[in-house]
Amino acid sequence: MPRIRGASIEQHHEMVWADLAEALRQLLLERDYDSINMGHIAGRAGLARNTLYNYARDKSALVLALTERASRPAAERVTAIAARSQDPAATRMRGIVEAFLTASPDMQLMFRPGSGPMVDEVPKGPDSPFHAIVVEVENVVRDGITRGEFRDVGDVPLAVELLSGAMRAGAERIARDPAGAAATVRAAQEIILASLAAPDLVGDLGDQP
């Protein structure tokens, strides 16, 4: 029977998942995603390949599982920010952008150079690990429209999907240049809010907290 690390089976599994995320992170610094296989990941994580298959049947399933786990803290933070209905929608949107772009290193793994094909494998729509975040962003946009803070964008899901491109670009920039994270967060906030603001509020964006 394999040696159990930690005080319980649950803790052991958490430690293995952390090792797998770190293994994939290291490998992406060395090679393109498409050239990485399950053997590489198992070896870097210090696991037997057969043991790795107990966690995921293939590389795509492993990436999805790691993404789901990594996205949970960000989803919780975004949900909490979106629920602050007493705050202006613009303030909440700024907080959401920051929460997403400063997420855990495990989620930033998705946006490292060379990880594009990995991101493309993650399901879209309701099956996406990021679906809860998208729903909360849509809710904040609708609330902002109702309050007159944001212009009527018409198709809210489409607008949020387009804005997610700015978020992804910001995440990729931070993955390449962690030292510039604060500046990238500010730029993403300004771009996203400028695209949503009602015409008479555009000039006030710089004054938002």
N, C-alpha and C. Protein backbone atom coordinates (compact mmCIF):
# COMPACT_ATOMS: atom_id res chain seq x y z
N MET A 1 0.85 -1.19 0.00
CA MET A 1 0.00 0.00 0.00
C MET A 1 0.89 1.25 0.00
N PRO A 2 0.59 2.24 -0.87
CA PRO A 2 1.42 3.45 -0.94
C PRO A 2 1.43 4.18 0.39
N ARG A 3 2.54 4.82 0.68
CA ARG A 3 2.66 5.59 1.92
C ARG A 3 1.74 6.80 1.87
N ILE A 4 1.01 7.02 2.96
CA ILE A 4 0.10 8.16 3.05
C ILE A 4 0.82 9.34 3.68
N ARG A 5 0.82 10.46 2.99
CA ARG A 5 1.40 11.68 3.53
C ARG A 5 0.30 12.47 4.24
N GLY A 6 0.64 13.15 5.29
CA GLY A 6 -0.35 13.93 6.01
C GLY A 6 -1.05 13.12 7.07
N ALA A 7 -1.97 13.79 7.77
CA ALA A 7 -2.64 13.16 8.91
C ALA A 7 -3.87 12.36 8.52
N SER A 8 -4.30 12.47 7.27
CA SER A 8 -5.50 11.77 6.82
C SER A 8 -5.42 11.53 5.32
N ILE A 9 -6.31 10.69 4.82
CA ILE A 9 -6.39 10.46 3.38
C ILE A 9 -6.71 11.77 2.65
N GLU A 10 -7.63 12.55 3.23
CA GLU A 10 -8.02 13.81 2.59
C GLU A 10 -6.82 14.75 2.48
N GLN A 11 -6.05 14.84 3.54
CA GLN A 11 -4.87 15.70 3.51
C GLN A 11 -3.83 15.18 2.53
N HIS A 12 -3.71 13.87 2.47
CA HIS A 12 -2.80 13.26 1.50
C HIS A 12 -3.18 13.66 0.08
N HIS A 13 -4.47 13.55 -0.24
CA HIS A 13 -4.92 13.91 -1.59
C HIS A 13 -4.68 15.38 -1.88
N GLU A 14 -4.91 16.25 -0.90
CA GLU A 14 -4.66 17.68 -1.11
C GLU A 14 -3.19 17.93 -1.42
N MET A 15 -2.32 17.21 -0.74
CA MET A 15 -0.88 17.38 -0.98
C MET A 15 -0.50 16.88 -2.37
N VAL A 16 -1.12 15.79 -2.80
CA VAL A 16 -0.83 15.28 -4.14
C VAL A 16 -1.31 16.26 -5.20
N TRP A 17 -2.51 16.81 -5.02
CA TRP A 17 -3.02 17.79 -5.99
C TRP A 17 -2.09 19.00 -6.07
N ALA A 18 -1.60 19.44 -4.92
CA ALA A 18 -0.66 20.57 -4.91
C ALA A 18 0.62 20.21 -5.67
N ASP A 19 1.09 18.99 -5.50
CA ASP A 19 2.28 18.53 -6.22
C ASP A 19 2.03 18.49 -7.73
N LEU A 20 0.84 18.07 -8.11
CA LEU A 20 0.51 18.00 -9.54
C LEU A 20 0.45 19.39 -10.16
N ALA A 21 -0.14 20.34 -9.44
CA ALA A 21 -0.19 21.70 -9.96
C ALA A 21 1.22 22.28 -10.11
N GLU A 22 2.06 22.03 -9.12
CA GLU A 22 3.43 22.53 -9.18
C GLU A 22 4.21 21.85 -10.30
N ALA A 23 3.98 20.57 -10.49
CA ALA A 23 4.66 19.84 -11.56
C ALA A 23 4.30 20.41 -12.92
N LEU A 24 3.02 20.66 -13.13
CA LEU A 24 2.59 21.22 -14.41
C LEU A 24 3.13 22.63 -14.59
N ARG A 25 3.17 23.41 -13.52
CA ARG A 25 3.71 24.77 -13.58
C ARG A 25 5.17 24.73 -14.01
N GLN A 26 5.95 23.85 -13.42
CA GLN A 26 7.36 23.76 -13.77
C GLN A 26 7.55 23.30 -15.21
N LEU A 27 6.77 22.34 -15.62
CA LEU A 27 6.90 21.82 -16.98
C LEU A 27 6.56 22.88 -18.02
N LEU A 28 5.57 23.74 -17.72
CA LEU A 28 5.20 24.78 -18.67
C LEU A 28 6.28 25.85 -18.81
N LEU A 29 7.17 25.93 -17.85
CA LEU A 29 8.30 26.84 -17.97
C LEU A 29 9.37 26.28 -18.90
N GLU A 30 9.30 24.97 -19.14
CA GLU A 30 10.34 24.29 -19.90
C GLU A 30 9.92 23.89 -21.31
N ARG A 31 8.63 23.70 -21.52
CA ARG A 31 8.17 23.20 -22.81
C ARG A 31 6.73 23.62 -23.08
N ASP A 32 6.29 23.47 -24.33
CA ASP A 32 4.91 23.79 -24.68
C ASP A 32 3.97 22.74 -24.09
N TYR A 33 2.75 23.19 -23.86
CA TYR A 33 1.74 22.31 -23.27
C TYR A 33 1.55 21.03 -24.09
N ASP A 34 1.49 21.18 -25.42
CA ASP A 34 1.21 20.02 -26.27
C ASP A 34 2.28 18.94 -26.15
N SER A 35 3.49 19.32 -25.76
CA SER A 35 4.57 18.33 -25.68
C SER A 35 4.65 17.65 -24.31
N ILE A 36 3.78 18.06 -23.39
CA ILE A 36 3.77 17.47 -22.04
C ILE A 36 2.81 16.29 -22.02
N ASN A 37 3.25 15.17 -21.45
CA ASN A 37 2.36 14.02 -21.33
C ASN A 37 2.22 13.61 -19.86
N MET A 38 1.39 12.62 -19.64
CA MET A 38 1.11 12.20 -18.26
C MET A 38 2.36 11.66 -17.59
N GLY A 39 3.23 11.04 -18.36
CA GLY A 39 4.47 10.53 -17.79
C GLY A 39 5.35 11.65 -17.25
N HIS A 40 5.43 12.75 -18.03
CA HIS A 40 6.20 13.91 -17.57
C HIS A 40 5.65 14.45 -16.25
N ILE A 41 4.32 14.56 -16.19
CA ILE A 41 3.68 15.13 -15.00
C ILE A 41 3.88 14.22 -13.80
N ALA A 42 3.68 12.93 -14.00
CA ALA A 42 3.85 11.98 -12.90
C ALA A 42 5.28 12.01 -12.38
N GLY A 43 6.26 11.98 -13.31
CA GLY A 43 7.65 11.99 -12.89
C GLY A 43 8.02 13.24 -12.12
N ARG A 44 7.55 14.41 -12.59
CA ARG A 44 7.89 15.66 -11.92
C ARG A 44 7.21 15.76 -10.55
N ALA A 45 6.02 15.15 -10.43
CA ALA A 45 5.30 15.19 -9.16
C ALA A 45 5.76 14.10 -8.19
N GLY A 46 6.64 13.21 -8.66
CA GLY A 46 7.13 12.13 -7.79
C GLY A 46 6.13 11.02 -7.61
N LEU A 47 5.28 10.80 -8.64
CA LEU A 47 4.26 9.75 -8.58
C LEU A 47 4.55 8.67 -9.61
N ALA A 48 4.10 7.47 -9.32
CA ALA A 48 4.08 6.43 -10.34
C ALA A 48 2.99 6.80 -11.35
N ARG A 49 3.24 6.50 -12.62
CA ARG A 49 2.26 6.87 -13.63
C ARG A 49 0.89 6.24 -13.34
N ASN A 50 0.87 4.99 -12.89
CA ASN A 50 -0.40 4.35 -12.56
C ASN A 50 -1.13 5.08 -11.45
N THR A 51 -0.38 5.63 -10.50
CA THR A 51 -1.00 6.39 -9.42
C THR A 51 -1.65 7.66 -9.96
N LEU A 52 -0.99 8.31 -10.91
CA LEU A 52 -1.56 9.52 -11.49
C LEU A 52 -2.92 9.24 -12.13
N TYR A 53 -3.06 8.06 -12.74
CA TYR A 53 -4.35 7.74 -13.37
C TYR A 53 -5.47 7.55 -12.35
N ASN A 54 -5.13 7.43 -11.08
CA ASN A 54 -6.17 7.42 -10.06
C ASN A 54 -6.76 8.81 -9.85
N TYR A 55 -6.03 9.83 -10.29
CA TYR A 55 -6.49 11.21 -10.13
C TYR A 55 -7.14 11.75 -11.40
N ALA A 56 -6.69 11.29 -12.55
CA ALA A 56 -7.27 11.75 -13.81
C ALA A 56 -6.97 10.72 -14.89
N ARG A 57 -7.92 10.53 -15.79
CA ARG A 57 -7.76 9.49 -16.82
C ARG A 57 -6.81 9.91 -17.93
N ASP A 58 -6.66 11.24 -18.14
CA ASP A 58 -5.76 11.73 -19.17
C ASP A 58 -5.39 13.18 -18.86
N LYS A 59 -4.58 13.76 -19.71
CA LYS A 59 -4.08 15.11 -19.45
C LYS A 59 -5.21 16.14 -19.43
N SER A 60 -6.15 16.00 -20.33
CA SER A 60 -7.27 16.96 -20.37
C SER A 60 -8.08 16.91 -19.09
N ALA A 61 -8.35 15.71 -18.61
CA ALA A 61 -9.12 15.57 -17.36
C ALA A 61 -8.34 16.11 -16.18
N LEU A 62 -7.02 15.93 -16.20
CA LEU A 62 -6.19 16.45 -15.12
C LEU A 62 -6.22 17.98 -15.11
N VAL A 63 -6.09 18.59 -16.28
CA VAL A 63 -6.12 20.05 -16.37
C VAL A 63 -7.47 20.58 -15.89
N LEU A 64 -8.55 19.92 -16.29
CA LEU A 64 -9.88 20.37 -15.85
C LEU A 64 -10.00 20.27 -14.34
N ALA A 65 -9.53 19.18 -13.76
CA ALA A 65 -9.62 19.01 -12.31
C ALA A 65 -8.78 20.06 -11.59
N LEU A 66 -7.57 20.32 -12.09
CA LEU A 66 -6.72 21.34 -11.47
C LEU A 66 -7.34 22.72 -11.59
N THR A 67 -7.97 23.00 -12.74
CA THR A 67 -8.60 24.30 -12.95
C THR A 67 -9.79 24.49 -12.02
N GLU A 68 -10.59 23.43 -11.88
CA GLU A 68 -11.75 23.50 -10.98
C GLU A 68 -11.30 23.79 -9.55
N ARG A 69 -10.26 23.13 -9.13
CA ARG A 69 -9.77 23.34 -7.76
C ARG A 69 -9.18 24.74 -7.60
N ALA A 70 -8.43 25.18 -8.59
CA ALA A 70 -7.77 26.48 -8.50
C ALA A 70 -8.76 27.63 -8.58
N SER A 71 -9.89 27.43 -9.28
CA SER A 71 -10.84 28.52 -9.48
C SER A 71 -11.76 28.75 -8.28
N ARG A 72 -11.83 27.80 -7.37
CA ARG A 72 -12.77 27.92 -6.25
C ARG A 72 -12.52 29.14 -5.38
N PRO A 73 -11.28 29.40 -4.93
CA PRO A 73 -11.07 30.59 -4.10
C PRO A 73 -11.44 31.88 -4.83
N ALA A 74 -11.09 31.99 -6.12
CA ALA A 74 -11.43 33.19 -6.89
C ALA A 74 -12.95 33.33 -7.01
N ALA A 75 -13.63 32.22 -7.26
CA ALA A 75 -15.10 32.26 -7.37
C ALA A 75 -15.72 32.72 -6.06
N GLU A 76 -15.19 32.25 -4.94
CA GLU A 76 -15.72 32.66 -3.64
C GLU A 76 -15.50 34.15 -3.41
N ARG A 77 -14.32 34.65 -3.78
CA ARG A 77 -14.04 36.08 -3.61
C ARG A 77 -14.94 36.92 -4.52
N VAL A 78 -15.11 36.49 -5.76
CA VAL A 78 -15.95 37.24 -6.69
C VAL A 78 -17.40 37.24 -6.22
N THR A 79 -17.89 36.11 -5.74
CA THR A 79 -19.26 36.02 -5.25
C THR A 79 -19.47 36.98 -4.08
N ALA A 80 -18.51 37.03 -3.18
CA ALA A 80 -18.63 37.92 -2.02
C ALA A 80 -18.64 39.39 -2.45
N ILE A 81 -17.80 39.75 -3.41
CA ILE A 81 -17.76 41.12 -3.89
C ILE A 81 -19.06 41.49 -4.61
N ALA A 82 -19.54 40.59 -5.46
CA ALA A 82 -20.77 40.86 -6.22
C ALA A 82 -21.97 41.03 -5.30
N ALA A 83 -21.94 40.39 -4.14
CA ALA A 83 -23.07 40.45 -3.21
C ALA A 83 -23.14 41.76 -2.44
N ARG A 84 -22.15 42.61 -2.55
CA ARG A 84 -22.15 43.89 -1.82
C ARG A 84 -23.05 44.89 -2.54
N SER A 85 -24.34 44.64 -2.49
CA SER A 85 -25.30 45.43 -3.26
C SER A 85 -25.33 46.89 -2.85
N GLN A 86 -24.83 47.21 -1.66
CA GLN A 86 -24.81 48.61 -1.23
C GLN A 86 -23.71 49.40 -1.94
N ASP A 87 -22.73 48.70 -2.52
CA ASP A 87 -21.64 49.36 -3.23
C ASP A 87 -22.03 49.65 -4.68
N PRO A 88 -21.50 50.72 -5.26
CA PRO A 88 -21.74 50.97 -6.69
C PRO A 88 -21.27 49.79 -7.54
N ALA A 89 -21.92 49.58 -8.65
CA ALA A 89 -21.54 48.47 -9.52
C ALA A 89 -20.10 48.64 -10.01
N ALA A 90 -19.68 49.87 -10.26
CA ALA A 90 -18.31 50.10 -10.73
C ALA A 90 -17.29 49.70 -9.68
N THR A 91 -17.60 49.97 -8.41
CA THR A 91 -16.69 49.58 -7.33
C THR A 91 -16.57 48.07 -7.26
N ARG A 92 -17.71 47.40 -7.39
CA ARG A 92 -17.69 45.93 -7.34
C ARG A 92 -16.94 45.36 -8.55
N MET A 93 -17.13 45.98 -9.72
CA MET A 93 -16.43 45.48 -10.90
C MET A 93 -14.93 45.63 -10.75
N ARG A 94 -14.49 46.75 -10.18
CA ARG A 94 -13.07 46.92 -9.92
C ARG A 94 -12.54 45.81 -9.00
N GLY A 95 -13.31 45.52 -7.96
CA GLY A 95 -12.90 44.47 -7.02
C GLY A 95 -12.85 43.10 -7.67
N ILE A 96 -13.81 42.84 -8.55
CA ILE A 96 -13.84 41.54 -9.23
C ILE A 96 -12.63 41.39 -10.15
N VAL A 97 -12.31 42.43 -10.89
CA VAL A 97 -11.15 42.37 -11.77
C VAL A 97 -9.88 42.09 -10.97
N GLU A 98 -9.73 42.80 -9.86
CA GLU A 98 -8.55 42.58 -9.03
C GLU A 98 -8.53 41.17 -8.44
N ALA A 99 -9.69 40.70 -7.97
CA ALA A 99 -9.77 39.37 -7.37
C ALA A 99 -9.37 38.30 -8.38
N PHE A 100 -9.82 38.45 -9.61
CA PHE A 100 -9.51 37.44 -10.63
C PHE A 100 -8.04 37.50 -11.03
N LEU A 101 -7.54 38.70 -11.25
CA LEU A 101 -6.18 38.83 -11.75
C LEU A 101 -5.12 38.57 -10.68
N THR A 102 -5.50 38.64 -9.41
CA THR A 102 -4.55 38.34 -8.34
C THR A 102 -4.88 37.02 -7.67
N ALA A 103 -5.50 36.13 -8.44
CA ALA A 103 -5.89 34.82 -7.91
C ALA A 103 -4.66 34.01 -7.53
N SER A 104 -4.90 32.84 -6.99
CA SER A 104 -3.82 31.98 -6.51
C SER A 104 -2.86 31.60 -7.64
N PRO A 105 -1.62 31.29 -7.30
CA PRO A 105 -0.66 30.85 -8.32
C PRO A 105 -1.16 29.65 -9.12
N ASP A 106 -1.97 28.80 -8.48
CA ASP A 106 -2.48 27.64 -9.21
C ASP A 106 -3.40 28.06 -10.35
N MET A 107 -4.18 29.14 -10.17
CA MET A 107 -5.03 29.58 -11.26
C MET A 107 -4.22 30.36 -12.29
N GLN A 108 -3.20 31.08 -11.84
CA GLN A 108 -2.34 31.78 -12.79
C GLN A 108 -1.60 30.81 -13.70
N LEU A 109 -1.49 29.57 -13.26
CA LEU A 109 -0.90 28.52 -14.08
C LEU A 109 -1.56 28.44 -15.44
N MET A 110 -2.89 28.71 -15.48
CA MET A 110 -3.64 28.60 -16.73
C MET A 110 -3.19 29.62 -17.77
N PHE A 111 -2.54 30.68 -17.34
CA PHE A 111 -2.25 31.79 -18.25
C PHE A 111 -0.75 31.98 -18.49
N ARG A 112 0.05 30.99 -18.10
CA ARG A 112 1.48 31.09 -18.35
C ARG A 112 1.77 30.98 -19.84
N PRO A 113 2.88 31.57 -20.30
CA PRO A 113 3.28 31.41 -21.70
C PRO A 113 3.35 29.93 -22.07
N GLY A 114 2.82 29.60 -23.24
CA GLY A 114 2.83 28.22 -23.70
C GLY A 114 1.63 27.42 -23.25
N SER A 115 0.75 28.03 -22.43
CA SER A 115 -0.39 27.28 -21.90
C SER A 115 -1.67 27.51 -22.70
N GLY A 116 -1.58 28.24 -23.80
CA GLY A 116 -2.76 28.52 -24.61
C GLY A 116 -3.59 27.29 -24.95
N PRO A 117 -2.96 26.25 -25.50
CA PRO A 117 -3.74 25.04 -25.80
C PRO A 117 -4.39 24.43 -24.56
N MET A 118 -3.77 24.59 -23.41
CA MET A 118 -4.35 24.08 -22.18
C MET A 118 -5.64 24.84 -21.84
N VAL A 119 -5.61 26.16 -21.96
CA VAL A 119 -6.80 26.97 -21.70
C VAL A 119 -7.91 26.60 -22.67
N ASP A 120 -7.55 26.35 -23.92
CA ASP A 120 -8.55 26.03 -24.93
C ASP A 120 -9.26 24.71 -24.63
N GLU A 121 -8.63 23.83 -23.85
CA GLU A 121 -9.25 22.55 -23.52
C GLU A 121 -10.30 22.68 -22.42
N VAL A 122 -10.27 23.76 -21.68
CA VAL A 122 -11.22 23.93 -20.57
C VAL A 122 -12.61 24.20 -21.16
N PRO A 123 -13.64 23.49 -20.70
CA PRO A 123 -14.99 23.67 -21.26
C PRO A 123 -15.49 25.10 -21.12
N LYS A 124 -16.35 25.50 -22.05
CA LYS A 124 -17.00 26.80 -21.98
C LYS A 124 -18.44 26.62 -21.48
N GLY A 125 -19.10 27.71 -21.17
CA GLY A 125 -20.50 27.66 -20.77
C GLY A 125 -20.68 27.11 -19.37
N PRO A 126 -21.84 26.51 -19.10
CA PRO A 126 -22.15 26.03 -17.74
C PRO A 126 -21.17 25.00 -17.20
N ASP A 127 -20.46 24.31 -18.09
CA ASP A 127 -19.51 23.29 -17.64
C ASP A 127 -18.13 23.88 -17.33
N SER A 128 -17.97 25.17 -17.56
CA SER A 128 -16.67 25.79 -17.32
C SER A 128 -16.41 25.95 -15.83
N PRO A 129 -15.18 25.73 -15.39
CA PRO A 129 -14.83 26.00 -13.98
C PRO A 129 -15.02 27.46 -13.61
N PHE A 130 -15.04 28.33 -14.63
CA PHE A 130 -15.19 29.76 -14.38
C PHE A 130 -16.64 30.24 -14.50
N HIS A 131 -17.57 29.30 -14.67
CA HIS A 131 -18.97 29.69 -14.91
C HIS A 131 -19.54 30.52 -13.78
N ALA A 132 -19.24 30.15 -12.53
CA ALA A 132 -19.77 30.91 -11.40
C ALA A 132 -19.28 32.35 -11.42
N ILE A 133 -18.03 32.55 -11.83
CA ILE A 133 -17.49 33.90 -11.92
C ILE A 133 -18.21 34.68 -13.01
N VAL A 134 -18.42 34.05 -14.15
CA VAL A 134 -19.12 34.71 -15.27
C VAL A 134 -20.52 35.14 -14.85
N VAL A 135 -21.24 34.26 -14.16
CA VAL A 135 -22.60 34.57 -13.72
C VAL A 135 -22.60 35.80 -12.81
N GLU A 136 -21.66 35.87 -11.88
CA GLU A 136 -21.61 37.00 -10.95
C GLU A 136 -21.27 38.30 -11.69
N VAL A 137 -20.37 38.22 -12.65
CA VAL A 137 -20.04 39.41 -13.43
C VAL A 137 -21.26 39.89 -14.21
N GLU A 138 -21.98 38.96 -14.82
CA GLU A 138 -23.21 39.32 -15.53
C GLU A 138 -24.20 40.00 -14.59
N ASN A 139 -24.33 39.49 -13.38
CA ASN A 139 -25.26 40.08 -12.42
C ASN A 139 -24.87 41.52 -12.07
N VAL A 140 -23.57 41.75 -11.89
CA VAL A 140 -23.10 43.10 -11.57
C VAL A 140 -23.34 44.04 -12.75
N VAL A 141 -23.11 43.56 -13.96
CA VAL A 141 -23.36 44.39 -15.14
C VAL A 141 -24.85 44.74 -15.23
N ARG A 142 -25.71 43.77 -15.04
CA ARG A 142 -27.16 44.05 -15.09
C ARG A 142 -27.56 45.05 -14.01
N ASP A 143 -27.00 44.88 -12.81
CA ASP A 143 -27.31 45.80 -11.72
C ASP A 143 -26.84 47.21 -12.06
N GLY A 144 -25.65 47.30 -12.65
CA GLY A 144 -25.14 48.61 -13.04
C GLY A 144 -26.01 49.28 -14.09
N ILE A 145 -26.53 48.50 -15.02
CA ILE A 145 -27.44 49.04 -16.04
C ILE A 145 -28.72 49.55 -15.38
N THR A 146 -29.28 48.75 -14.49
CA THR A 146 -30.51 49.14 -13.80
C THR A 146 -30.33 50.43 -13.02
N ARG A 147 -29.17 50.60 -12.40
CA ARG A 147 -28.90 51.79 -11.59
C ARG A 147 -28.49 53.00 -12.44
N GLY A 148 -28.27 52.79 -13.72
CA GLY A 148 -27.83 53.88 -14.58
C GLY A 148 -26.34 54.13 -14.52
N GLU A 149 -25.59 53.27 -13.85
CA GLU A 149 -24.13 53.42 -13.80
C GLU A 149 -23.47 52.96 -15.09
N PHE A 150 -24.02 51.91 -15.67
CA PHE A 150 -23.49 51.35 -16.90
C PHE A 150 -24.49 51.61 -18.03
N ARG A 151 -23.97 51.75 -19.21
CA ARG A 151 -24.84 51.89 -20.36
C ARG A 151 -25.52 50.55 -20.66
N ASP A 152 -26.62 50.61 -21.37
CA ASP A 152 -27.33 49.39 -21.74
C ASP A 152 -26.55 48.71 -22.87
N VAL A 153 -25.88 47.62 -22.51
CA VAL A 153 -25.03 46.94 -23.50
C VAL A 153 -25.83 45.99 -24.39
N GLY A 154 -27.12 45.84 -24.09
CA GLY A 154 -27.96 44.95 -24.88
C GLY A 154 -27.79 43.50 -24.47
N ASP A 155 -26.92 42.80 -25.13
CA ASP A 155 -26.68 41.38 -24.86
C ASP A 155 -25.62 41.27 -23.75
N VAL A 156 -26.09 41.13 -22.51
CA VAL A 156 -25.14 41.11 -21.38
C VAL A 156 -24.19 39.92 -21.45
N PRO A 157 -24.67 38.69 -21.71
CA PRO A 157 -23.71 37.57 -21.79
C PRO A 157 -22.64 37.79 -22.85
N LEU A 158 -23.02 38.35 -24.00
CA LEU A 158 -22.03 38.61 -25.04
C LEU A 158 -21.05 39.68 -24.58
N ALA A 159 -21.56 40.73 -23.95
CA ALA A 159 -20.67 41.79 -23.47
C ALA A 159 -19.66 41.25 -22.47
N VAL A 160 -20.13 40.40 -21.55
CA VAL A 160 -19.22 39.83 -20.56
C VAL A 160 -18.22 38.88 -21.22
N GLU A 161 -18.67 38.16 -22.22
CA GLU A 161 -17.74 37.27 -22.94
C GLU A 161 -16.64 38.09 -23.61
N LEU A 162 -17.00 39.23 -24.19
CA LEU A 162 -16.00 40.08 -24.82
C LEU A 162 -15.05 40.67 -23.77
N LEU A 163 -15.62 41.08 -22.63
CA LEU A 163 -14.77 41.63 -21.57
C LEU A 163 -13.82 40.58 -21.00
N SER A 164 -14.23 39.32 -21.06
CA SER A 164 -13.36 38.26 -20.55
C SER A 164 -12.07 38.17 -21.34
N GLY A 165 -12.10 38.66 -22.59
CA GLY A 165 -10.87 38.71 -23.38
C GLY A 165 -9.86 39.65 -22.76
N ALA A 166 -10.35 40.79 -22.24
CA ALA A 166 -9.44 41.73 -21.55
C ALA A 166 -8.90 41.11 -20.28
N MET A 167 -9.74 40.36 -19.57
CA MET A 167 -9.31 39.70 -18.35
C MET A 167 -8.24 38.66 -18.66
N ARG A 168 -8.46 37.90 -19.71
CA ARG A 168 -7.48 36.87 -20.07
C ARG A 168 -6.15 37.51 -20.47
N ALA A 169 -6.23 38.60 -21.23
CA ALA A 169 -5.00 39.29 -21.64
C ALA A 169 -4.26 39.81 -20.41
N GLY A 170 -5.01 40.33 -19.44
CA GLY A 170 -4.38 40.80 -18.21
C GLY A 170 -3.72 39.68 -17.44
N ALA A 171 -4.41 38.54 -17.36
CA ALA A 171 -3.86 37.39 -16.65
C ALA A 171 -2.60 36.88 -17.33
N GLU A 172 -2.60 36.87 -18.66
CA GLU A 172 -1.41 36.42 -19.38
C GLU A 172 -0.24 37.39 -19.18
N ARG A 173 -0.54 38.69 -19.13
CA ARG A 173 0.52 39.67 -18.89
C ARG A 173 1.13 39.48 -17.50
N ILE A 174 0.28 39.25 -16.50
CA ILE A 174 0.78 39.05 -15.14
C ILE A 174 1.61 37.77 -15.05
N ALA A 175 1.18 36.73 -15.78
CA ALA A 175 1.95 35.48 -15.78
C ALA A 175 3.34 35.70 -16.37
N ARG A 176 3.43 36.59 -17.37
CA ARG A 176 4.74 36.88 -17.97
C ARG A 176 5.55 37.84 -17.13
N ASP A 177 4.85 38.76 -16.44
CA ASP A 177 5.54 39.82 -15.72
C ASP A 177 4.88 40.03 -14.35
N PRO A 178 5.12 39.14 -13.40
CA PRO A 178 4.48 39.26 -12.09
C PRO A 178 4.79 40.59 -11.39
N ALA A 179 5.94 41.15 -11.63
CA ALA A 179 6.31 42.40 -10.98
C ALA A 179 5.41 43.56 -11.42
N GLY A 180 4.83 43.43 -12.59
CA GLY A 180 3.96 44.49 -13.11
C GLY A 180 2.49 44.24 -12.83
N ALA A 181 2.18 43.36 -11.89
CA ALA A 181 0.80 42.97 -11.63
C ALA A 181 -0.09 44.15 -11.28
N ALA A 182 0.36 45.02 -10.40
CA ALA A 182 -0.47 46.14 -9.95
C ALA A 182 -0.86 47.05 -11.11
N ALA A 183 0.11 47.35 -11.97
CA ALA A 183 -0.17 48.21 -13.12
C ALA A 183 -1.12 47.53 -14.09
N THR A 184 -0.95 46.22 -14.27
CA THR A 184 -1.83 45.48 -15.18
C THR A 184 -3.25 45.44 -14.65
N VAL A 185 -3.40 45.26 -13.34
CA VAL A 185 -4.74 45.27 -12.74
C VAL A 185 -5.41 46.62 -12.97
N ARG A 186 -4.69 47.71 -12.74
CA ARG A 186 -5.27 49.04 -12.94
C ARG A 186 -5.68 49.26 -14.39
N ALA A 187 -4.84 48.84 -15.32
CA ALA A 187 -5.15 49.02 -16.74
C ALA A 187 -6.40 48.22 -17.11
N ALA A 188 -6.48 46.98 -16.63
CA ALA A 188 -7.65 46.15 -16.93
C ALA A 188 -8.92 46.76 -16.35
N GLN A 189 -8.83 47.27 -15.13
CA GLN A 189 -9.99 47.92 -14.51
C GLN A 189 -10.47 49.10 -15.35
N GLU A 190 -9.54 49.94 -15.78
CA GLU A 190 -9.91 51.13 -16.55
C GLU A 190 -10.54 50.75 -17.89
N ILE A 191 -9.95 49.77 -18.57
CA ILE A 191 -10.46 49.36 -19.88
C ILE A 191 -11.87 48.79 -19.74
N ILE A 192 -12.07 47.92 -18.77
CA ILE A 192 -13.37 47.27 -18.60
C ILE A 192 -14.43 48.28 -18.18
N LEU A 193 -14.11 49.16 -17.24
CA LEU A 193 -15.09 50.14 -16.80
C LEU A 193 -15.39 51.17 -17.88
N ALA A 194 -14.40 51.54 -18.66
CA ALA A 194 -14.63 52.48 -19.75
C ALA A 194 -15.59 51.90 -20.79
N SER A 195 -15.54 50.59 -20.98
CA SER A 195 -16.43 49.95 -21.97
C SER A 195 -17.85 49.81 -21.46
N LEU A 196 -18.04 49.93 -20.14
CA LEU A 196 -19.36 49.74 -19.54
C LEU A 196 -20.02 51.05 -19.11
N ALA A 197 -19.24 52.06 -18.82
CA ALA A 197 -19.76 53.26 -18.18
C ALA A 197 -20.80 53.97 -19.04
N ALA A 198 -21.81 54.51 -18.36
CA ALA A 198 -22.79 55.36 -19.04
C ALA A 198 -22.06 56.59 -19.55
N PRO A 199 -22.50 57.16 -20.70
CA PRO A 199 -21.76 58.28 -21.31
C PRO A 199 -21.46 59.42 -20.36
N ASP A 200 -22.40 59.77 -19.47
CA ASP A 200 -22.17 60.91 -18.59
C ASP A 200 -21.26 60.59 -17.42
N LEU A 201 -20.85 59.28 -17.28
CA LEU A 201 -19.98 58.89 -16.19
C LEU A 201 -18.56 58.58 -16.64
N VAL A 202 -18.34 58.56 -17.96
CA VAL A 202 -17.04 58.17 -18.48
C VAL A 202 -15.93 59.03 -17.90
N GLY A 203 -16.18 60.34 -17.78
CA GLY A 203 -15.15 61.24 -17.28
C GLY A 203 -14.85 61.05 -15.80
N ASP A 204 -15.72 60.34 -15.09
CA ASP A 204 -15.52 60.16 -13.65
C ASP A 204 -14.85 58.85 -13.29
N LEU A 205 -14.47 58.04 -14.28
CA LEU A 205 -13.95 56.71 -13.98
C LEU A 205 -12.69 56.77 -13.12
N GLY A 206 -11.86 57.76 -13.36
CA GLY A 206 -10.62 57.85 -12.60
C GLY A 206 -10.84 58.16 -11.14
N ASP A 207 -12.06 58.63 -10.78
CA ASP A 207 -12.34 58.99 -9.40
C ASP A 207 -12.93 57.84 -8.60
N GLN A 208 -13.19 56.70 -9.26
CA GLN A 208 -13.79 55.58 -8.57
C GLN A 208 -12.79 54.97 -7.59
N PRO A 209 -13.26 54.50 -6.42
CA PRO A 209 -12.32 53.90 -5.45
C PRO A 209 -11.81 52.57 -5.94
